[in-house]
Amino acid sequence: MNDDPTPDSLAELTPQWYRRTGWCFFGNMYVHTAFAILHVVICLAPLVLFLICGVQPSLQDPDQVRLILLWVCIAALGYPTWAWIETMVFERWVRRFPEAQRKVERAHYQLHVGMAKNFWQAVMQMYTVAGLIGIAMKATGNP
């Protein structure tokens, strides 16, 4: 006896959202990968510039302050903005399917969103710790 309330055909359903191709941004794994790489490069650029090139930003230079603020906006708001817009597009897209397929699509989508959320939280925590270390070093007089 099968106690599972889902139909047997549900096991045969496969998620389709991340298999989308063409010009659409959302659901296309190639586009997701390209934007993720771009975002990682932007987020890690200050760290790489400091470690490899020894570049230290100056808060007295207005042009550098503008660049820092732009970086902060992109690093902090890039992924949340993408996720918010993608979720709206996904929900509009998934409503065209029967309920069984919607459940599969939503579960698969939440799996991907959860992994990305954990990754970007770790990136932002790394920058928070680096910032706190920098503040502590400045407070103690270390360059």
N, C-alpha and C. Protein backbone atom coordinates (compact mmCIF):
# COMPACT_ATOMS: atom_id res chain seq x y z
N MET A 1 0.84 -1.18 0.00
CA MET A 1 0.00 0.00 0.00
C MET A 1 0.89 1.25 0.00
N ASN A 2 0.55 2.18 -0.84
CA ASN A 2 1.33 3.41 -0.99
C ASN A 2 0.70 4.52 -0.15
N ASP A 3 1.42 5.00 0.88
CA ASP A 3 0.90 6.08 1.73
C ASP A 3 1.23 7.45 1.17
N ASP A 4 2.02 7.50 0.13
CA ASP A 4 2.43 8.77 -0.46
C ASP A 4 1.25 9.37 -1.22
N PRO A 5 0.82 10.59 -0.85
CA PRO A 5 -0.35 11.19 -1.52
C PRO A 5 -0.07 11.69 -2.93
N THR A 6 1.21 11.75 -3.32
CA THR A 6 1.53 12.26 -4.65
C THR A 6 1.29 11.16 -5.68
N PRO A 7 0.90 11.54 -6.86
CA PRO A 7 0.66 10.53 -7.89
C PRO A 7 1.97 9.87 -8.33
N ASP A 8 1.87 8.65 -8.87
CA ASP A 8 3.05 7.92 -9.33
C ASP A 8 3.77 8.66 -10.45
N SER A 9 3.02 9.42 -11.23
CA SER A 9 3.63 10.14 -12.35
C SER A 9 4.54 11.26 -11.87
N LEU A 10 4.40 11.68 -10.60
CA LEU A 10 5.24 12.76 -10.07
C LEU A 10 6.70 12.35 -10.09
N ALA A 11 6.97 11.09 -9.84
CA ALA A 11 8.36 10.62 -9.84
C ALA A 11 8.99 10.77 -11.23
N GLU A 12 8.18 10.78 -12.26
CA GLU A 12 8.69 10.90 -13.62
C GLU A 12 8.88 12.35 -14.05
N LEU A 13 8.33 13.29 -13.29
CA LEU A 13 8.44 14.71 -13.64
C LEU A 13 9.86 15.19 -13.36
N THR A 14 10.41 15.95 -14.26
CA THR A 14 11.74 16.52 -14.05
C THR A 14 11.65 18.03 -14.10
N PRO A 15 12.44 18.71 -13.28
CA PRO A 15 12.42 20.17 -13.27
C PRO A 15 12.88 20.74 -14.61
N GLN A 16 12.22 21.80 -15.04
CA GLN A 16 12.52 22.41 -16.34
C GLN A 16 13.08 23.83 -16.23
N TRP A 17 12.94 24.50 -15.09
CA TRP A 17 13.31 25.90 -14.98
C TRP A 17 14.76 26.16 -15.36
N TYR A 18 15.68 25.40 -14.83
CA TYR A 18 17.10 25.64 -15.10
C TYR A 18 17.57 24.99 -16.40
N ARG A 19 16.67 24.46 -17.17
CA ARG A 19 17.01 23.92 -18.48
C ARG A 19 16.63 24.88 -19.61
N ARG A 20 16.11 26.02 -19.22
CA ARG A 20 15.70 27.00 -20.23
C ARG A 20 16.92 27.52 -20.96
N THR A 21 16.77 27.78 -22.24
CA THR A 21 17.85 28.33 -23.05
C THR A 21 17.28 29.46 -23.90
N GLY A 22 18.11 29.99 -24.74
CA GLY A 22 17.66 31.09 -25.59
C GLY A 22 18.04 32.42 -24.99
N TRP A 23 17.28 33.43 -25.29
CA TRP A 23 17.63 34.78 -24.86
C TRP A 23 17.20 35.09 -23.43
N CYS A 24 16.41 34.21 -22.81
CA CYS A 24 15.92 34.49 -21.46
C CYS A 24 17.05 34.42 -20.44
N PHE A 25 17.12 35.41 -19.56
CA PHE A 25 18.15 35.44 -18.52
C PHE A 25 17.87 34.43 -17.43
N PHE A 26 16.65 34.41 -16.96
CA PHE A 26 16.32 33.62 -15.79
C PHE A 26 15.98 32.19 -16.18
N GLY A 27 16.56 31.26 -15.46
CA GLY A 27 16.35 29.85 -15.76
C GLY A 27 17.38 29.30 -16.72
N ASN A 28 18.20 30.15 -17.30
CA ASN A 28 19.23 29.71 -18.23
C ASN A 28 20.54 29.57 -17.45
N MET A 29 21.01 28.34 -17.29
CA MET A 29 22.20 28.10 -16.45
C MET A 29 23.45 28.74 -17.03
N TYR A 30 23.54 28.90 -18.33
CA TYR A 30 24.70 29.57 -18.92
C TYR A 30 24.75 31.04 -18.48
N VAL A 31 23.61 31.68 -18.50
CA VAL A 31 23.52 33.08 -18.07
C VAL A 31 23.78 33.17 -16.57
N HIS A 32 23.21 32.25 -15.79
CA HIS A 32 23.44 32.23 -14.35
C HIS A 32 24.93 32.09 -14.05
N THR A 33 25.58 31.19 -14.74
CA THR A 33 27.01 30.96 -14.53
C THR A 33 27.83 32.20 -14.88
N ALA A 34 27.52 32.81 -16.00
CA ALA A 34 28.27 34.01 -16.42
C ALA A 34 28.09 35.14 -15.41
N PHE A 35 26.86 35.38 -14.97
CA PHE A 35 26.63 36.45 -14.00
C PHE A 35 27.23 36.12 -12.64
N ALA A 36 27.21 34.85 -12.26
CA ALA A 36 27.82 34.46 -10.98
C ALA A 36 29.33 34.69 -11.02
N ILE A 37 29.98 34.33 -12.12
CA ILE A 37 31.42 34.56 -12.26
C ILE A 37 31.71 36.05 -12.22
N LEU A 38 30.94 36.84 -12.93
CA LEU A 38 31.13 38.29 -12.94
C LEU A 38 30.97 38.87 -11.54
N HIS A 39 29.96 38.41 -10.82
CA HIS A 39 29.72 38.92 -9.47
C HIS A 39 30.85 38.51 -8.53
N VAL A 40 31.33 37.30 -8.63
CA VAL A 40 32.46 36.85 -7.80
C VAL A 40 33.69 37.68 -8.09
N VAL A 41 33.97 37.95 -9.36
CA VAL A 41 35.13 38.77 -9.73
C VAL A 41 35.01 40.17 -9.13
N ILE A 42 33.83 40.76 -9.25
CA ILE A 42 33.63 42.11 -8.69
C ILE A 42 33.77 42.09 -7.17
N CYS A 43 33.18 41.07 -6.52
CA CYS A 43 33.24 41.00 -5.06
C CYS A 43 34.66 40.78 -4.55
N LEU A 44 35.44 40.00 -5.26
CA LEU A 44 36.79 39.68 -4.79
C LEU A 44 37.85 40.65 -5.30
N ALA A 45 37.51 41.54 -6.20
CA ALA A 45 38.48 42.48 -6.78
C ALA A 45 39.22 43.30 -5.73
N PRO A 46 38.55 43.90 -4.74
CA PRO A 46 39.31 44.67 -3.75
C PRO A 46 40.32 43.82 -2.97
N LEU A 47 39.92 42.61 -2.62
CA LEU A 47 40.83 41.73 -1.89
C LEU A 47 42.04 41.36 -2.75
N VAL A 48 41.81 41.04 -4.00
CA VAL A 48 42.91 40.69 -4.91
C VAL A 48 43.81 41.90 -5.13
N LEU A 49 43.23 43.07 -5.34
CA LEU A 49 44.03 44.28 -5.55
C LEU A 49 44.89 44.58 -4.33
N PHE A 50 44.36 44.33 -3.14
CA PHE A 50 45.13 44.59 -1.92
C PHE A 50 46.23 43.55 -1.74
N LEU A 51 45.89 42.27 -1.90
CA LEU A 51 46.87 41.21 -1.64
C LEU A 51 47.97 41.14 -2.70
N ILE A 52 47.61 41.29 -3.95
CA ILE A 52 48.59 41.11 -5.03
C ILE A 52 49.26 42.43 -5.40
N CYS A 53 48.49 43.47 -5.52
CA CYS A 53 49.04 44.75 -6.00
C CYS A 53 49.36 45.73 -4.86
N GLY A 54 48.90 45.46 -3.67
CA GLY A 54 49.14 46.36 -2.55
C GLY A 54 48.34 47.65 -2.62
N VAL A 55 47.27 47.66 -3.39
CA VAL A 55 46.44 48.86 -3.54
C VAL A 55 45.65 49.09 -2.25
N GLN A 56 45.75 50.29 -1.71
CA GLN A 56 44.99 50.66 -0.52
C GLN A 56 44.12 51.86 -0.87
N PRO A 57 42.81 51.71 -0.71
CA PRO A 57 41.92 52.83 -1.06
C PRO A 57 42.10 54.00 -0.10
N SER A 58 41.86 55.18 -0.63
CA SER A 58 41.94 56.39 0.17
C SER A 58 40.56 57.01 0.27
N LEU A 59 40.13 57.22 1.50
CA LEU A 59 38.81 57.83 1.70
C LEU A 59 38.86 59.35 1.53
N GLN A 60 40.05 59.91 1.30
CA GLN A 60 40.17 61.34 1.05
C GLN A 60 39.95 61.68 -0.42
N ASP A 61 40.09 60.70 -1.29
CA ASP A 61 39.93 60.91 -2.73
C ASP A 61 38.46 60.68 -3.09
N PRO A 62 37.74 61.72 -3.54
CA PRO A 62 36.31 61.56 -3.85
C PRO A 62 36.04 60.51 -4.95
N ASP A 63 36.95 60.40 -5.92
CA ASP A 63 36.75 59.41 -6.98
C ASP A 63 36.83 57.99 -6.41
N GLN A 64 37.77 57.76 -5.50
CA GLN A 64 37.88 56.43 -4.90
C GLN A 64 36.69 56.14 -3.99
N VAL A 65 36.18 57.15 -3.31
CA VAL A 65 35.00 56.97 -2.47
C VAL A 65 33.81 56.56 -3.33
N ARG A 66 33.66 57.17 -4.48
CA ARG A 66 32.57 56.81 -5.41
C ARG A 66 32.72 55.36 -5.87
N LEU A 67 33.94 54.95 -6.20
CA LEU A 67 34.18 53.57 -6.63
C LEU A 67 33.88 52.59 -5.50
N ILE A 68 34.27 52.96 -4.29
CA ILE A 68 34.00 52.09 -3.14
C ILE A 68 32.49 51.95 -2.93
N LEU A 69 31.77 53.05 -3.01
CA LEU A 69 30.32 53.00 -2.83
C LEU A 69 29.66 52.19 -3.94
N LEU A 70 30.14 52.33 -5.18
CA LEU A 70 29.61 51.53 -6.28
C LEU A 70 29.87 50.05 -6.02
N TRP A 71 31.09 49.73 -5.58
CA TRP A 71 31.42 48.33 -5.28
C TRP A 71 30.52 47.79 -4.17
N VAL A 72 30.32 48.57 -3.11
CA VAL A 72 29.47 48.13 -2.01
C VAL A 72 28.06 47.85 -2.50
N CYS A 73 27.53 48.72 -3.33
CA CYS A 73 26.18 48.52 -3.87
C CYS A 73 26.09 47.26 -4.71
N ILE A 74 27.06 47.05 -5.57
CA ILE A 74 27.04 45.86 -6.43
C ILE A 74 27.23 44.60 -5.59
N ALA A 75 28.20 44.62 -4.68
CA ALA A 75 28.47 43.44 -3.86
C ALA A 75 27.31 43.11 -2.94
N ALA A 76 26.71 44.11 -2.34
CA ALA A 76 25.65 43.87 -1.36
C ALA A 76 24.28 43.66 -2.01
N LEU A 77 24.01 44.34 -3.10
CA LEU A 77 22.67 44.30 -3.68
C LEU A 77 22.57 43.46 -4.95
N GLY A 78 23.69 43.06 -5.53
CA GLY A 78 23.66 42.32 -6.78
C GLY A 78 22.87 41.03 -6.71
N TYR A 79 23.26 40.15 -5.81
CA TYR A 79 22.55 38.87 -5.70
C TYR A 79 21.11 39.02 -5.20
N PRO A 80 20.86 39.79 -4.12
CA PRO A 80 19.46 39.91 -3.68
C PRO A 80 18.54 40.46 -4.77
N THR A 81 19.04 41.42 -5.54
CA THR A 81 18.22 41.98 -6.62
C THR A 81 17.94 40.93 -7.68
N TRP A 82 18.98 40.19 -8.07
CA TRP A 82 18.82 39.11 -9.06
C TRP A 82 17.81 38.09 -8.55
N ALA A 83 17.95 37.65 -7.30
CA ALA A 83 17.08 36.63 -6.74
C ALA A 83 15.63 37.11 -6.67
N TRP A 84 15.45 38.37 -6.30
CA TRP A 84 14.10 38.91 -6.20
C TRP A 84 13.42 38.93 -7.57
N ILE A 85 14.11 39.44 -8.56
CA ILE A 85 13.52 39.51 -9.91
C ILE A 85 13.32 38.10 -10.47
N GLU A 86 14.31 37.22 -10.26
CA GLU A 86 14.17 35.85 -10.76
C GLU A 86 12.97 35.14 -10.13
N THR A 87 12.75 35.36 -8.86
CA THR A 87 11.62 34.72 -8.19
C THR A 87 10.29 35.20 -8.78
N MET A 88 10.19 36.48 -9.07
CA MET A 88 8.96 36.98 -9.70
C MET A 88 8.76 36.35 -11.08
N VAL A 89 9.83 36.26 -11.87
CA VAL A 89 9.73 35.65 -13.20
C VAL A 89 9.41 34.17 -13.08
N PHE A 90 10.07 33.48 -12.13
CA PHE A 90 9.82 32.06 -11.93
C PHE A 90 8.36 31.80 -11.56
N GLU A 91 7.82 32.57 -10.63
CA GLU A 91 6.43 32.35 -10.21
C GLU A 91 5.45 32.57 -11.36
N ARG A 92 5.71 33.56 -12.17
CA ARG A 92 4.85 33.79 -13.34
C ARG A 92 4.95 32.59 -14.30
N TRP A 93 6.16 32.07 -14.48
CA TRP A 93 6.40 30.96 -15.39
C TRP A 93 5.79 29.67 -14.87
N VAL A 94 5.94 29.38 -13.57
CA VAL A 94 5.52 28.09 -13.02
C VAL A 94 4.00 27.96 -12.94
N ARG A 95 3.29 29.05 -12.94
CA ARG A 95 1.82 28.99 -12.82
C ARG A 95 1.14 28.37 -14.04
N ARG A 96 1.86 28.20 -15.13
CA ARG A 96 1.24 27.61 -16.31
C ARG A 96 1.19 26.09 -16.24
N PHE A 97 1.83 25.49 -15.24
CA PHE A 97 1.90 24.03 -15.12
C PHE A 97 0.84 23.49 -14.18
N PRO A 98 0.54 22.18 -14.31
CA PRO A 98 -0.35 21.55 -13.33
C PRO A 98 0.31 21.52 -11.94
N GLU A 99 -0.48 21.33 -10.91
CA GLU A 99 0.01 21.41 -9.53
C GLU A 99 1.17 20.46 -9.26
N ALA A 100 1.12 19.26 -9.78
CA ALA A 100 2.20 18.29 -9.54
C ALA A 100 3.53 18.81 -10.08
N GLN A 101 3.51 19.36 -11.29
CA GLN A 101 4.75 19.90 -11.87
C GLN A 101 5.20 21.15 -11.09
N ARG A 102 4.24 21.96 -10.64
CA ARG A 102 4.60 23.15 -9.85
C ARG A 102 5.37 22.77 -8.59
N LYS A 103 4.92 21.72 -7.92
CA LYS A 103 5.60 21.27 -6.70
C LYS A 103 7.04 20.87 -7.01
N VAL A 104 7.25 20.14 -8.07
CA VAL A 104 8.60 19.72 -8.45
C VAL A 104 9.45 20.93 -8.79
N GLU A 105 8.91 21.83 -9.58
CA GLU A 105 9.66 23.03 -9.97
C GLU A 105 10.02 23.88 -8.76
N ARG A 106 9.07 24.10 -7.87
CA ARG A 106 9.32 24.94 -6.69
C ARG A 106 10.34 24.31 -5.75
N ALA A 107 10.27 23.00 -5.57
CA ALA A 107 11.25 22.32 -4.70
C ALA A 107 12.66 22.44 -5.29
N HIS A 108 12.78 22.23 -6.59
CA HIS A 108 14.08 22.32 -7.24
C HIS A 108 14.60 23.76 -7.20
N TYR A 109 13.72 24.71 -7.42
CA TYR A 109 14.10 26.12 -7.38
C TYR A 109 14.58 26.51 -5.98
N GLN A 110 13.86 26.07 -4.95
CA GLN A 110 14.25 26.39 -3.58
C GLN A 110 15.60 25.78 -3.22
N LEU A 111 15.91 24.62 -3.76
CA LEU A 111 17.21 24.00 -3.53
C LEU A 111 18.32 24.91 -4.06
N HIS A 112 18.16 25.40 -5.28
CA HIS A 112 19.16 26.29 -5.88
C HIS A 112 19.25 27.62 -5.13
N VAL A 113 18.12 28.18 -4.77
CA VAL A 113 18.11 29.46 -4.06
C VAL A 113 18.81 29.31 -2.71
N GLY A 114 18.56 28.22 -2.02
CA GLY A 114 19.18 27.99 -0.72
C GLY A 114 20.70 27.88 -0.82
N MET A 115 21.19 27.17 -1.84
CA MET A 115 22.64 27.05 -2.02
C MET A 115 23.27 28.40 -2.32
N ALA A 116 22.66 29.16 -3.20
CA ALA A 116 23.19 30.47 -3.56
C ALA A 116 23.15 31.42 -2.36
N LYS A 117 22.08 31.37 -1.61
CA LYS A 117 21.96 32.23 -0.43
C LYS A 117 23.08 31.94 0.56
N ASN A 118 23.34 30.68 0.82
CA ASN A 118 24.41 30.30 1.74
C ASN A 118 25.77 30.78 1.23
N PHE A 119 26.02 30.63 -0.06
CA PHE A 119 27.29 31.05 -0.63
C PHE A 119 27.50 32.55 -0.47
N TRP A 120 26.48 33.34 -0.84
CA TRP A 120 26.64 34.80 -0.79
C TRP A 120 26.67 35.31 0.64
N GLN A 121 26.00 34.64 1.55
CA GLN A 121 26.12 35.03 2.95
C GLN A 121 27.56 34.82 3.43
N ALA A 122 28.18 33.73 3.00
CA ALA A 122 29.57 33.48 3.39
C ALA A 122 30.50 34.55 2.81
N VAL A 123 30.27 34.95 1.57
CA VAL A 123 31.09 35.99 0.95
C VAL A 123 30.95 37.30 1.72
N MET A 124 29.73 37.68 2.05
CA MET A 124 29.52 38.93 2.77
C MET A 124 30.08 38.86 4.19
N GLN A 125 30.00 37.71 4.82
CA GLN A 125 30.59 37.56 6.15
C GLN A 125 32.11 37.68 6.09
N MET A 126 32.70 37.16 5.01
CA MET A 126 34.15 37.29 4.85
C MET A 126 34.54 38.76 4.77
N TYR A 127 33.81 39.55 4.03
CA TYR A 127 34.11 40.98 3.92
C TYR A 127 33.83 41.70 5.24
N THR A 128 32.84 41.28 5.98
CA THR A 128 32.58 41.88 7.28
C THR A 128 33.75 41.65 8.22
N VAL A 129 34.24 40.42 8.26
CA VAL A 129 35.39 40.11 9.11
C VAL A 129 36.62 40.89 8.65
N ALA A 130 36.85 40.93 7.35
CA ALA A 130 38.00 41.69 6.83
C ALA A 130 37.88 43.17 7.21
N GLY A 131 36.67 43.71 7.13
CA GLY A 131 36.46 45.11 7.50
C GLY A 131 36.71 45.34 8.98
N LEU A 132 36.26 44.44 9.82
CA LEU A 132 36.49 44.55 11.26
C LEU A 132 37.98 44.45 11.59
N ILE A 133 38.68 43.56 10.91
CA ILE A 133 40.13 43.46 11.11
C ILE A 133 40.82 44.76 10.71
N GLY A 134 40.38 45.32 9.57
CA GLY A 134 40.94 46.60 9.12
C GLY A 134 40.69 47.72 10.12
N ILE A 135 39.49 47.77 10.68
CA ILE A 135 39.17 48.80 11.68
C ILE A 135 40.03 48.61 12.93
N ALA A 136 40.18 47.36 13.35
CA ALA A 136 41.00 47.08 14.54
C ALA A 136 42.46 47.46 14.30
N MET A 137 42.96 47.17 13.11
CA MET A 137 44.35 47.51 12.79
C MET A 137 44.55 49.02 12.78
N LYS A 138 43.58 49.73 12.22
CA LYS A 138 43.67 51.19 12.16
C LYS A 138 43.60 51.79 13.57
N ALA A 139 42.74 51.20 14.41
CA ALA A 139 42.59 51.71 15.78
C ALA A 139 43.84 51.50 16.61
N THR A 140 44.59 50.43 16.32
CA THR A 140 45.82 50.17 17.08
C THR A 140 47.03 50.85 16.47
N GLY A 141 46.84 51.54 15.37
CA GLY A 141 47.94 52.26 14.74
C GLY A 141 48.72 51.46 13.72
N ASN A 142 48.32 50.24 13.45
CA ASN A 142 48.99 49.43 12.41
C ASN A 142 48.48 49.85 11.03
N PRO A 143 49.37 49.95 10.06
CA PRO A 143 48.91 50.36 8.72
C PRO A 143 48.14 49.30 8.00
